[in-house]
Amino acid sequence: ANIGEPSKPIAKIASGGELSRIMLALKNVIADKDDI
């Protein structure tokens, strides 16, 4: 989440707002890959 910090599992460190934005980002890139 911050410069210099080691990577950790999303479930352990992400806040609710971060989860929402990360999922929005995931959905946005996946949307271009399917036929829906």
PDB file of all heavy atoms in Angstrom:
ATOM      1  N   ALA A   1       0.813  -1.218   0.000  1.00  0.00           N
ATOM      2  CA  ALA A   1       0.000   0.000   0.000  1.00  0.00           C
ATOM      3  C   ALA A   1       0.844   1.264   0.000  1.00  0.00           C
ATOM      4  O   ALA A   1       0.392   2.315  -0.456  1.00  0.00           O
ATOM      5  CB  ALA A   1      -0.950   0.009   1.190  1.00  0.00           C
ATOM      6  N   ASN A   2       2.082   1.178   0.502  1.00  0.00           N
ATOM      7  CA  ASN A   2       2.945   2.361   0.597  1.00  0.00           C
ATOM      8  C   ASN A   2       4.353   2.014   0.122  1.00  0.00           C
ATOM      9  O   ASN A   2       4.800   0.869   0.221  1.00  0.00           O
ATOM     10  CB  ASN A   2       3.007   2.863   2.041  1.00  0.00           C
ATOM     11  CG  ASN A   2       1.634   3.291   2.549  1.00  0.00           C
ATOM     12  OD1 ASN A   2       1.055   4.253   2.062  1.00  0.00           O
ATOM     13  ND2 ASN A   2       1.115   2.568   3.529  1.00  0.00           N
ATOM     14  N   ILE A   3       5.049   3.044  -0.374  1.00  0.00           N
ATOM     15  CA  ILE A   3       6.395   2.844  -0.909  1.00  0.00           C
ATOM     16  C   ILE A   3       7.315   2.297   0.187  1.00  0.00           C
ATOM     17  O   ILE A   3       7.344   2.784   1.312  1.00  0.00           O
ATOM     18  CB  ILE A   3       6.957   4.184  -1.447  1.00  0.00           C
ATOM     19  CG1 ILE A   3       6.096   4.660  -2.628  1.00  0.00           C
ATOM     20  CG2 ILE A   3       8.414   4.034  -1.876  1.00  0.00           C
ATOM     21  CD1 ILE A   3       6.480   6.025  -3.155  1.00  0.00           C
ATOM     22  N   GLY A   4       8.046   1.248  -0.176  1.00  0.00           N
ATOM     23  CA  GLY A   4       9.008   0.677   0.750  1.00  0.00           C
ATOM     24  C   GLY A   4       8.476  -0.467   1.581  1.00  0.00           C
ATOM     25  O   GLY A   4       9.254  -1.198   2.204  1.00  0.00           O
ATOM     26  N   GLU A   5       7.159  -0.629   1.636  1.00  0.00           N
ATOM     27  CA  GLU A   5       6.586  -1.728   2.417  1.00  0.00           C
ATOM     28  C   GLU A   5       6.570  -3.003   1.584  1.00  0.00           C
ATOM     29  O   GLU A   5       6.320  -2.968   0.384  1.00  0.00           O
ATOM     30  CB  GLU A   5       5.154  -1.394   2.860  1.00  0.00           C
ATOM     31  CG  GLU A   5       5.076  -0.301   3.918  1.00  0.00           C
ATOM     32  CD  GLU A   5       3.651  -0.115   4.428  1.00  0.00           C
ATOM     33  OE1 GLU A   5       2.756  -0.847   3.950  1.00  0.00           O
ATOM     34  OE2 GLU A   5       3.441   0.762   5.280  1.00  0.00           O
ATOM     35  N   PRO A   6       6.840  -4.150   2.222  1.00  0.00           N
ATOM     36  CA  PRO A   6       6.782  -5.424   1.483  1.00  0.00           C
ATOM     37  C   PRO A   6       5.345  -5.764   1.107  1.00  0.00           C
ATOM     38  O   PRO A   6       4.394  -5.343   1.778  1.00  0.00           O
ATOM     39  CB  PRO A   6       7.356  -6.430   2.488  1.00  0.00           C
ATOM     40  CG  PRO A   6       7.079  -5.839   3.826  1.00  0.00           C
ATOM     41  CD  PRO A   6       7.211  -4.347   3.641  1.00  0.00           C
ATOM     42  N   SER A   7       5.206  -6.518   0.033  1.00  0.00           N
ATOM     43  CA  SER A   7       3.862  -6.924  -0.406  1.00  0.00           C
ATOM     44  C   SER A   7       3.270  -7.938   0.562  1.00  0.00           C
ATOM     45  O   SER A   7       3.968  -8.830   1.054  1.00  0.00           O
ATOM     46  CB  SER A   7       3.930  -7.537  -1.809  1.00  0.00           C
ATOM     47  OG  SER A   7       4.384  -6.573  -2.727  1.00  0.00           O
ATOM     48  N   LYS A   8       1.990  -7.798   0.816  1.00  0.00           N
ATOM     49  CA  LYS A   8       1.264  -8.713   1.695  1.00  0.00           C
ATOM     50  C   LYS A   8      -0.069  -9.082   1.037  1.00  0.00           C
ATOM     51  O   LYS A   8      -0.537  -8.364   0.141  1.00  0.00           O
ATOM     52  CB  LYS A   8       1.016  -8.064   3.057  1.00  0.00           C
ATOM     53  CG  LYS A   8       2.286  -7.778   3.843  1.00  0.00           C
ATOM     54  CD  LYS A   8       1.951  -7.134   5.192  1.00  0.00           C
ATOM     55  CE  LYS A   8       3.228  -6.826   5.981  1.00  0.00           C
ATOM     56  NZ  LYS A   8       2.926  -6.159   7.272  1.00  0.00           N
ATOM     57  N   PRO A   9      -0.691 -10.169   1.473  1.00  0.00           N
ATOM     58  CA  PRO A   9      -1.993 -10.548   0.901  1.00  0.00           C
ATOM     59  C   PRO A   9      -3.015  -9.431   1.033  1.00  0.00           C
ATOM     60  O   PRO A   9      -3.082  -8.756   2.071  1.00  0.00           O
ATOM     61  CB  PRO A   9      -2.398 -11.775   1.714  1.00  0.00           C
ATOM     62  CG  PRO A   9      -1.106 -12.348   2.199  1.00  0.00           C
ATOM     63  CD  PRO A   9      -0.219 -11.164   2.453  1.00  0.00           C
ATOM     64  N   ILE A  10      -3.804  -9.220  -0.012  1.00  0.00           N
ATOM     65  CA  ILE A  10      -4.830  -8.164  -0.012  1.00  0.00           C
ATOM     66  C   ILE A  10      -5.739  -8.292   1.201  1.00  0.00           C
ATOM     67  O   ILE A  10      -6.099  -7.296   1.831  1.00  0.00           O
ATOM     68  CB  ILE A  10      -5.660  -8.237  -1.314  1.00  0.00           C
ATOM     69  CG1 ILE A  10      -4.834  -7.714  -2.485  1.00  0.00           C
ATOM     70  CG2 ILE A  10      -6.948  -7.434  -1.189  1.00  0.00           C
ATOM     71  CD1 ILE A  10      -5.553  -7.770  -3.816  1.00  0.00           C
ATOM     72  N   ALA A  11      -6.110  -9.520   1.526  1.00  0.00           N
ATOM     73  CA  ALA A  11      -7.071  -9.737   2.609  1.00  0.00           C
ATOM     74  C   ALA A  11      -6.573  -9.205   3.945  1.00  0.00           C
ATOM     75  O   ALA A  11      -7.370  -8.883   4.833  1.00  0.00           O
ATOM     76  CB  ALA A  11      -7.380 -11.226   2.730  1.00  0.00           C
ATOM     77  N   LYS A  12      -5.243  -9.082   4.088  1.00  0.00           N
ATOM     78  CA  LYS A  12      -4.693  -8.701   5.388  1.00  0.00           C
ATOM     79  C   LYS A  12      -4.515  -7.200   5.568  1.00  0.00           C
ATOM     80  O   LYS A  12      -4.500  -6.704   6.692  1.00  0.00           O
ATOM     81  CB  LYS A  12      -3.346  -9.396   5.607  1.00  0.00           C
ATOM     82  CG  LYS A  12      -3.461 -10.901   5.777  1.00  0.00           C
ATOM     83  CD  LYS A  12      -2.104 -11.521   6.092  1.00  0.00           C
ATOM     84  CE  LYS A  12      -2.253 -13.020   6.329  1.00  0.00           C
ATOM     85  NZ  LYS A  12      -0.931 -13.664   6.626  1.00  0.00           N
ATOM     86  N   ILE A  13      -4.374  -6.471   4.467  1.00  0.00           N
ATOM     87  CA  ILE A  13      -4.010  -5.053   4.650  1.00  0.00           C
ATOM     88  C   ILE A  13      -4.942  -4.055   3.960  1.00  0.00           C
ATOM     89  O   ILE A  13      -4.908  -2.871   4.274  1.00  0.00           O
ATOM     90  CB  ILE A  13      -2.566  -4.790   4.178  1.00  0.00           C
ATOM     91  CG1 ILE A  13      -2.426  -5.053   2.680  1.00  0.00           C
ATOM     92  CG2 ILE A  13      -1.572  -5.627   4.960  1.00  0.00           C
ATOM     93  CD1 ILE A  13      -1.060  -4.627   2.134  1.00  0.00           C
ATOM     94  N   ALA A  14      -5.784  -4.526   3.009  1.00  0.00           N
ATOM     95  CA  ALA A  14      -6.607  -3.584   2.248  1.00  0.00           C
ATOM     96  C   ALA A  14      -7.796  -3.108   3.059  1.00  0.00           C
ATOM     97  O   ALA A  14      -8.467  -3.882   3.729  1.00  0.00           O
ATOM     98  CB  ALA A  14      -7.080  -4.233   0.946  1.00  0.00           C
ATOM     99  N   SER A  15      -8.069  -1.790   2.995  1.00  0.00           N
ATOM    100  CA  SER A  15      -9.265  -1.235   3.636  1.00  0.00           C
ATOM    101  C   SER A  15     -10.462  -1.429   2.717  1.00  0.00           C
ATOM    102  O   SER A  15     -10.325  -1.845   1.566  1.00  0.00           O
ATOM    103  CB  SER A  15      -9.051   0.256   3.897  1.00  0.00           C
ATOM    104  OG  SER A  15      -8.936   0.961   2.665  1.00  0.00           O
ATOM    105  N   GLY A  16     -11.667  -1.080   3.228  1.00  0.00           N
ATOM    106  CA  GLY A  16     -12.874  -1.216   2.412  1.00  0.00           C
ATOM    107  C   GLY A  16     -12.809  -0.387   1.149  1.00  0.00           C
ATOM    108  O   GLY A  16     -13.163  -0.843   0.063  1.00  0.00           O
ATOM    109  N   GLY A  17     -12.337   0.866   1.276  1.00  0.00           N
ATOM    110  CA  GLY A  17     -12.242   1.736   0.104  1.00  0.00           C
ATOM    111  C   GLY A  17     -11.237   1.228  -0.895  1.00  0.00           C
ATOM    112  O   GLY A  17     -11.446   1.297  -2.108  1.00  0.00           O
ATOM    113  N   GLU A  18     -10.115   0.695  -0.386  1.00  0.00           N
ATOM    114  CA  GLU A  18      -9.108   0.130  -1.286  1.00  0.00           C
ATOM    115  C   GLU A  18      -9.644  -1.095  -2.008  1.00  0.00           C
ATOM    116  O   GLU A  18      -9.405  -1.271  -3.205  1.00  0.00           O
ATOM    117  CB  GLU A  18      -7.845  -0.220  -0.484  1.00  0.00           C
ATOM    118  CG  GLU A  18      -7.059   1.003  -0.041  1.00  0.00           C
ATOM    119  CD  GLU A  18      -5.931   0.651   0.918  1.00  0.00           C
ATOM    120  OE1 GLU A  18      -6.052  -0.364   1.629  1.00  0.00           O
ATOM    121  OE2 GLU A  18      -4.951   1.402   0.959  1.00  0.00           O
ATOM    122  N   LEU A  19     -10.374  -1.950  -1.282  1.00  0.00           N
ATOM    123  CA  LEU A  19     -10.964  -3.130  -1.916  1.00  0.00           C
ATOM    124  C   LEU A  19     -11.895  -2.724  -3.047  1.00  0.00           C
ATOM    125  O   LEU A  19     -11.894  -3.323  -4.123  1.00  0.00           O
ATOM    126  CB  LEU A  19     -11.735  -3.967  -0.883  1.00  0.00           C
ATOM    127  CG  LEU A  19     -10.911  -4.827   0.070  1.00  0.00           C
ATOM    128  CD1 LEU A  19     -11.827  -5.503   1.084  1.00  0.00           C
ATOM    129  CD2 LEU A  19     -10.128  -5.886  -0.698  1.00  0.00           C
ATOM    130  N   SER A  20     -12.714  -1.692  -2.812  1.00  0.00           N
ATOM    131  CA  SER A  20     -13.665  -1.243  -3.829  1.00  0.00           C
ATOM    132  C   SER A  20     -12.942  -0.757  -5.073  1.00  0.00           C
ATOM    133  O   SER A  20     -13.313  -1.077  -6.198  1.00  0.00           O
ATOM    134  CB  SER A  20     -14.546  -0.112  -3.276  1.00  0.00           C
ATOM    135  OG  SER A  20     -15.389  -0.587  -2.260  1.00  0.00           O
ATOM    136  N   ARG A  21     -11.875   0.038  -4.863  1.00  0.00           N
ATOM    137  CA  ARG A  21     -11.150   0.575  -6.011  1.00  0.00           C
ATOM    138  C   ARG A  21     -10.366  -0.519  -6.749  1.00  0.00           C
ATOM    139  O   ARG A  21     -10.278  -0.520  -7.975  1.00  0.00           O
ATOM    140  CB  ARG A  21     -10.214   1.708  -5.555  1.00  0.00           C
ATOM    141  CG  ARG A  21     -10.975   3.022  -5.340  1.00  0.00           C
ATOM    142  CD  ARG A  21     -10.056   4.150  -4.945  1.00  0.00           C
ATOM    143  NE  ARG A  21      -9.708   4.068  -3.514  1.00  0.00           N
ATOM    144  CZ  ARG A  21      -8.845   4.882  -2.920  1.00  0.00           C
ATOM    145  NH1 ARG A  21      -8.227   5.826  -3.626  1.00  0.00           N
ATOM    146  NH2 ARG A  21      -8.592   4.771  -1.625  1.00  0.00           N
ATOM    147  N   ILE A  22      -9.792  -1.460  -5.974  1.00  0.00           N
ATOM    148  CA  ILE A  22      -9.056  -2.554  -6.622  1.00  0.00           C
ATOM    149  C   ILE A  22     -10.015  -3.411  -7.451  1.00  0.00           C
ATOM    150  O   ILE A  22      -9.712  -3.788  -8.594  1.00  0.00           O
ATOM    151  CB  ILE A  22      -8.331  -3.412  -5.570  1.00  0.00           C
ATOM    152  CG1 ILE A  22      -7.199  -2.610  -4.909  1.00  0.00           C
ATOM    153  CG2 ILE A  22      -7.754  -4.675  -6.204  1.00  0.00           C
ATOM    154  CD1 ILE A  22      -6.586  -3.298  -3.704  1.00  0.00           C
ATOM    155  N   MET A  23     -11.202  -3.710  -6.895  1.00  0.00           N
ATOM    156  CA  MET A  23     -12.176  -4.517  -7.634  1.00  0.00           C
ATOM    157  C   MET A  23     -12.668  -3.771  -8.871  1.00  0.00           C
ATOM    158  O   MET A  23     -12.859  -4.370  -9.933  1.00  0.00           O
ATOM    159  CB  MET A  23     -13.350  -4.901  -6.731  1.00  0.00           C
ATOM    160  CG  MET A  23     -14.415  -5.748  -7.435  1.00  0.00           C
ATOM    161  SD  MET A  23     -13.751  -7.223  -8.252  1.00  0.00           S
ATOM    162  CE  MET A  23     -13.613  -8.340  -6.866  1.00  0.00           C
ATOM    163  N   LEU A  24     -12.853  -2.444  -8.749  1.00  0.00           N
ATOM    164  CA  LEU A  24     -13.256  -1.651  -9.908  1.00  0.00           C
ATOM    165  C   LEU A  24     -12.183  -1.731 -10.996  1.00  0.00           C
ATOM    166  O   LEU A  24     -12.492  -1.898 -12.182  1.00  0.00           O
ATOM    167  CB  LEU A  24     -13.487  -0.197  -9.494  1.00  0.00           C
ATOM    168  CG  LEU A  24     -13.786   0.795 -10.628  1.00  0.00           C
ATOM    169  CD1 LEU A  24     -15.019   0.349 -11.400  1.00  0.00           C
ATOM    170  CD2 LEU A  24     -13.983   2.194 -10.073  1.00  0.00           C
ATOM    171  N   ALA A  25     -10.936  -1.646 -10.579  1.00  0.00           N
ATOM    172  CA  ALA A  25      -9.838  -1.744 -11.547  1.00  0.00           C
ATOM    173  C   ALA A  25      -9.820  -3.123 -12.213  1.00  0.00           C
ATOM    174  O   ALA A  25      -9.642  -3.234 -13.435  1.00  0.00           O
ATOM    175  CB  ALA A  25      -8.510  -1.481 -10.839  1.00  0.00           C
ATOM    176  N   LEU A  26      -9.996  -4.193 -11.403  1.00  0.00           N
ATOM    177  CA  LEU A  26     -10.019  -5.554 -11.953  1.00  0.00           C
ATOM    178  C   LEU A  26     -11.151  -5.715 -12.954  1.00  0.00           C
ATOM    179  O   LEU A  26     -10.973  -6.240 -14.049  1.00  0.00           O
ATOM    180  CB  LEU A  26     -10.167  -6.581 -10.826  1.00  0.00           C
ATOM    181  CG  LEU A  26      -9.027  -6.679  -9.805  1.00  0.00           C
ATOM    182  CD1 LEU A  26      -9.345  -7.764  -8.779  1.00  0.00           C
ATOM    183  CD2 LEU A  26      -7.720  -6.993 -10.493  1.00  0.00           C
ATOM    184  N   LYS A  27     -12.349  -5.280 -12.545  1.00  0.00           N
ATOM    185  CA  LYS A  27     -13.515  -5.425 -13.423  1.00  0.00           C
ATOM    186  C   LYS A  27     -13.307  -4.661 -14.729  1.00  0.00           C
ATOM    187  O   LYS A  27     -13.721  -5.098 -15.804  1.00  0.00           O
ATOM    188  CB  LYS A  27     -14.777  -4.912 -12.706  1.00  0.00           C
ATOM    189  CG  LYS A  27     -15.322  -5.860 -11.656  1.00  0.00           C
ATOM    190  CD  LYS A  27     -16.066  -7.009 -12.307  1.00  0.00           C
ATOM    191  CE  LYS A  27     -16.727  -7.916 -11.286  1.00  0.00           C
ATOM    192  NZ  LYS A  27     -17.508  -8.978 -11.925  1.00  0.00           N
ATOM    193  N   ASN A  28     -12.671  -3.513 -14.614  1.00  0.00           N
ATOM    194  CA  ASN A  28     -12.496  -2.678 -15.785  1.00  0.00           C
ATOM    195  C   ASN A  28     -11.572  -3.332 -16.804  1.00  0.00           C
ATOM    196  O   ASN A  28     -11.823  -3.286 -18.020  1.00  0.00           O
ATOM    197  CB  ASN A  28     -11.938  -1.313 -15.359  1.00  0.00           C
ATOM    198  CG  ASN A  28     -12.282  -0.225 -16.367  1.00  0.00           C
ATOM    199  OD1 ASN A  28     -13.314  -0.283 -17.025  1.00  0.00           O
ATOM    200  ND2 ASN A  28     -11.422   0.765 -16.470  1.00  0.00           N
ATOM    201  N   VAL A  29     -10.487  -3.959 -16.316  1.00  0.00           N
ATOM    202  CA  VAL A  29      -9.562  -4.592 -17.277  1.00  0.00           C
ATOM    203  C   VAL A  29     -10.115  -5.916 -17.794  1.00  0.00           C
ATOM    204  O   VAL A  29      -9.859  -6.301 -18.946  1.00  0.00           O
ATOM    205  CB  VAL A  29      -8.156  -4.804 -16.649  1.00  0.00           C
ATOM    206  CG1 VAL A  29      -7.536  -3.475 -16.274  1.00  0.00           C
ATOM    207  CG2 VAL A  29      -8.197  -5.733 -15.463  1.00  0.00           C
ATOM    208  N   ILE A  30     -10.899  -6.629 -16.941  1.00  0.00           N
ATOM    209  CA  ILE A  30     -11.468  -7.909 -17.379  1.00  0.00           C
ATOM    210  C   ILE A  30     -12.580  -7.692 -18.393  1.00  0.00           C
ATOM    211  O   ILE A  30     -12.801  -8.505 -19.294  1.00  0.00           O
ATOM    212  CB  ILE A  30     -11.985  -8.704 -16.156  1.00  0.00           C
ATOM    213  CG1 ILE A  30     -10.799  -9.150 -15.295  1.00  0.00           C
ATOM    214  CG2 ILE A  30     -12.785  -9.930 -16.596  1.00  0.00           C
ATOM    215  CD1 ILE A  30     -11.200  -9.796 -13.986  1.00  0.00           C
ATOM    216  N   ALA A  31     -13.286  -6.535 -18.257  1.00  0.00           N
ATOM    217  CA  ALA A  31     -14.417  -6.252 -19.151  1.00  0.00           C
ATOM    218  C   ALA A  31     -14.005  -6.246 -20.610  1.00  0.00           C
ATOM    219  O   ALA A  31     -14.787  -6.589 -21.488  1.00  0.00           O
ATOM    220  CB  ALA A  31     -15.049  -4.913 -18.775  1.00  0.00           C
ATOM    221  N   ASP A  32     -12.746  -5.840 -20.890  1.00  0.00           N
ATOM    222  CA  ASP A  32     -12.277  -5.802 -22.275  1.00  0.00           C
ATOM    223  C   ASP A  32     -11.956  -7.177 -22.826  1.00  0.00           C
ATOM    224  O   ASP A  32     -11.741  -7.346 -24.018  1.00  0.00           O
ATOM    225  CB  ASP A  32     -11.013  -4.927 -22.368  1.00  0.00           C
ATOM    226  CG  ASP A  32     -11.327  -3.463 -22.085  1.00  0.00           C
ATOM    227  OD1 ASP A  32     -12.468  -3.056 -22.353  1.00  0.00           O
ATOM    228  OD2 ASP A  32     -10.436  -2.752 -21.591  1.00  0.00           O
ATOM    229  N   LYS A  33     -11.881  -8.172 -21.926  1.00  0.00           N
ATOM    230  CA  LYS A  33     -11.450  -9.502 -22.345  1.00  0.00           C
ATOM    231  C   LYS A  33     -12.608 -10.443 -22.665  1.00  0.00           C
ATOM    232  O   LYS A  33     -12.427 -11.427 -23.355  1.00  0.00           O
ATOM    233  CB  LYS A  33     -10.592 -10.146 -21.246  1.00  0.00           C
ATOM    234  CG  LYS A  33      -9.370  -9.330 -20.871  1.00  0.00           C
ATOM    235  CD  LYS A  33      -8.411  -9.188 -22.038  1.00  0.00           C
ATOM    236  CE  LYS A  33      -7.189  -8.364 -21.665  1.00  0.00           C
ATOM    237  NZ  LYS A  33      -6.246  -8.195 -22.791  1.00  0.00           N
ATOM    238  N   ASP A  34     -13.802 -10.166 -22.117  1.00  0.00           N
ATOM    239  CA  ASP A  34     -14.922 -11.076 -22.369  1.00  0.00           C
ATOM    240  C   ASP A  34     -15.807 -10.536 -23.483  1.00  0.00           C
ATOM    241  O   ASP A  34     -15.558  -9.464 -24.037  1.00  0.00           O
ATOM    242  CB  ASP A  34     -15.727 -11.353 -21.092  1.00  0.00           C
ATOM    243  CG  ASP A  34     -16.358 -10.093 -20.505  1.00  0.00           C
ATOM    244  OD1 ASP A  34     -16.721  -9.200 -21.286  1.00  0.00           O
ATOM    245  OD2 ASP A  34     -16.484 -10.008 -19.259  1.00  0.00           O
ATOM    246  N   ASP A  35     -16.835 -11.296 -23.803  1.00  0.00           N
ATOM    247  CA  ASP A  35     -17.722 -10.960 -24.913  1.00  0.00           C
ATOM    248  C   ASP A  35     -19.037 -10.357 -24.415  1.00  0.00           C
ATOM    249  O   ASP A  35     -19.983 -10.245 -25.169  1.00  0.00           O
ATOM    250  CB  ASP A  35     -17.996 -12.242 -25.727  1.00  0.00           C
ATOM    251  CG  ASP A  35     -18.508 -11.924 -27.118  1.00  0.00           C
ATOM    252  OD1 ASP A  35     -18.208 -10.822 -27.611  1.00  0.00           O
ATOM    253  OD2 ASP A  35     -19.230 -12.752 -27.704  1.00  0.00           O
ATOM    254  N   ILE A  36     -19.073  -9.998 -23.125  1.00  0.00           N
ATOM    255  CA  ILE A  36     -20.300  -9.448 -22.552  1.00  0.00           C
ATOM    256  C   ILE A  36     -20.297  -7.933 -22.741  1.00  0.00           C
ATOM    257  O   ILE A  36     -19.411  -7.246 -22.228  1.00  0.00           O
ATOM    258  CB  ILE A  36     -20.423  -9.805 -21.048  1.00  0.00           C
ATOM    259  CG1 ILE A  36     -20.377 -11.324 -20.875  1.00  0.00           C
ATOM    260  CG2 ILE A  36     -21.714  -9.230 -20.462  1.00  0.00           C
ATOM    261  CD1 ILE A  36     -20.352 -11.785 -19.434  1.00  0.00           C
TER     262      ILE A  36
END
